[in-house]
Amino acid sequence: MDLLRILIAILLPPLGVFLQVGFRGAFWLNILLTLLGYLPGIIHAVWIIARR
């Protein structure tokens, strides 16, 4: 299941984080990072998914 979440996180980083943590702080941070730059959003999303 984590592999699927990582693939989703590469395509849509906030969705990958949402599937992992829901509407908590990490989700909103990921939206901000994705808006500031797509690559930081991906890195954060993969880090959140791999950490848990």
Protein backbone atom coordinates (compact mmCIF):
# COMPACT_ATOMS: atom_id res chain seq x y z
CA MET A 1 0.00 0.00 0.00
CA ASP A 2 2.88 2.39 0.68
CA LEU A 3 4.14 1.97 -2.88
CA LEU A 4 0.76 3.08 -4.20
CA ARG A 5 0.77 6.08 -1.85
CA ILE A 6 4.25 7.05 -3.01
CA LEU A 7 3.16 6.89 -6.65
CA ILE A 8 0.14 9.05 -5.83
CA ALA A 9 2.43 11.44 -3.93
CA ILE A 10 4.61 11.88 -7.00
CA LEU A 11 1.60 12.74 -9.16
CA LEU A 12 -0.45 14.69 -6.57
CA PRO A 13 1.58 15.34 -3.41
CA PRO A 14 -1.28 16.65 -1.21
CA LEU A 15 -3.43 13.63 -2.01
CA GLY A 16 -0.66 11.26 -0.96
CA VAL A 17 -0.26 13.10 2.36
CA PHE A 18 -4.03 13.20 2.87
CA LEU A 19 -4.27 9.43 2.44
CA GLN A 20 -1.57 9.03 5.10
CA VAL A 21 -2.51 11.60 7.77
CA GLY A 22 -5.88 13.15 6.86
CA PHE A 23 -6.55 16.86 7.36
CA ARG A 24 -3.80 17.39 9.93
CA GLY A 25 -0.99 19.95 9.84
CA ALA A 26 1.22 17.95 7.47
CA PHE A 27 -1.51 18.07 4.82
CA TRP A 28 -1.77 21.86 4.93
CA LEU A 29 2.00 22.23 4.96
CA ASN A 30 2.20 20.03 1.89
CA ILE A 31 -0.34 22.15 0.05
CA LEU A 32 1.74 25.23 0.83
CA LEU A 33 4.96 23.54 -0.30
CA THR A 34 3.31 22.30 -3.49
CA LEU A 35 2.08 25.80 -4.29
CA LEU A 36 5.56 27.21 -3.72
CA GLY A 37 7.14 24.55 -5.89
CA TYR A 38 6.14 21.13 -7.11
CA LEU A 39 9.41 19.43 -6.12
CA PRO A 40 9.31 20.50 -2.43
CA GLY A 41 5.75 19.15 -2.25
CA ILE A 42 6.86 15.79 -3.63
CA ILE A 43 9.83 15.54 -1.27
CA HIS A 44 7.66 16.36 1.74
CA ALA A 45 4.95 13.90 0.69
CA VAL A 46 7.39 11.02 0.18
CA TRP A 47 9.05 11.84 3.50
CA ILE A 48 5.69 11.79 5.35
CA ILE A 49 4.70 8.48 3.76
CA ALA A 50 8.08 6.82 4.33
CA ARG A 51 8.27 8.02 7.93
CA ARG A 52 5.05 6.33 9.05
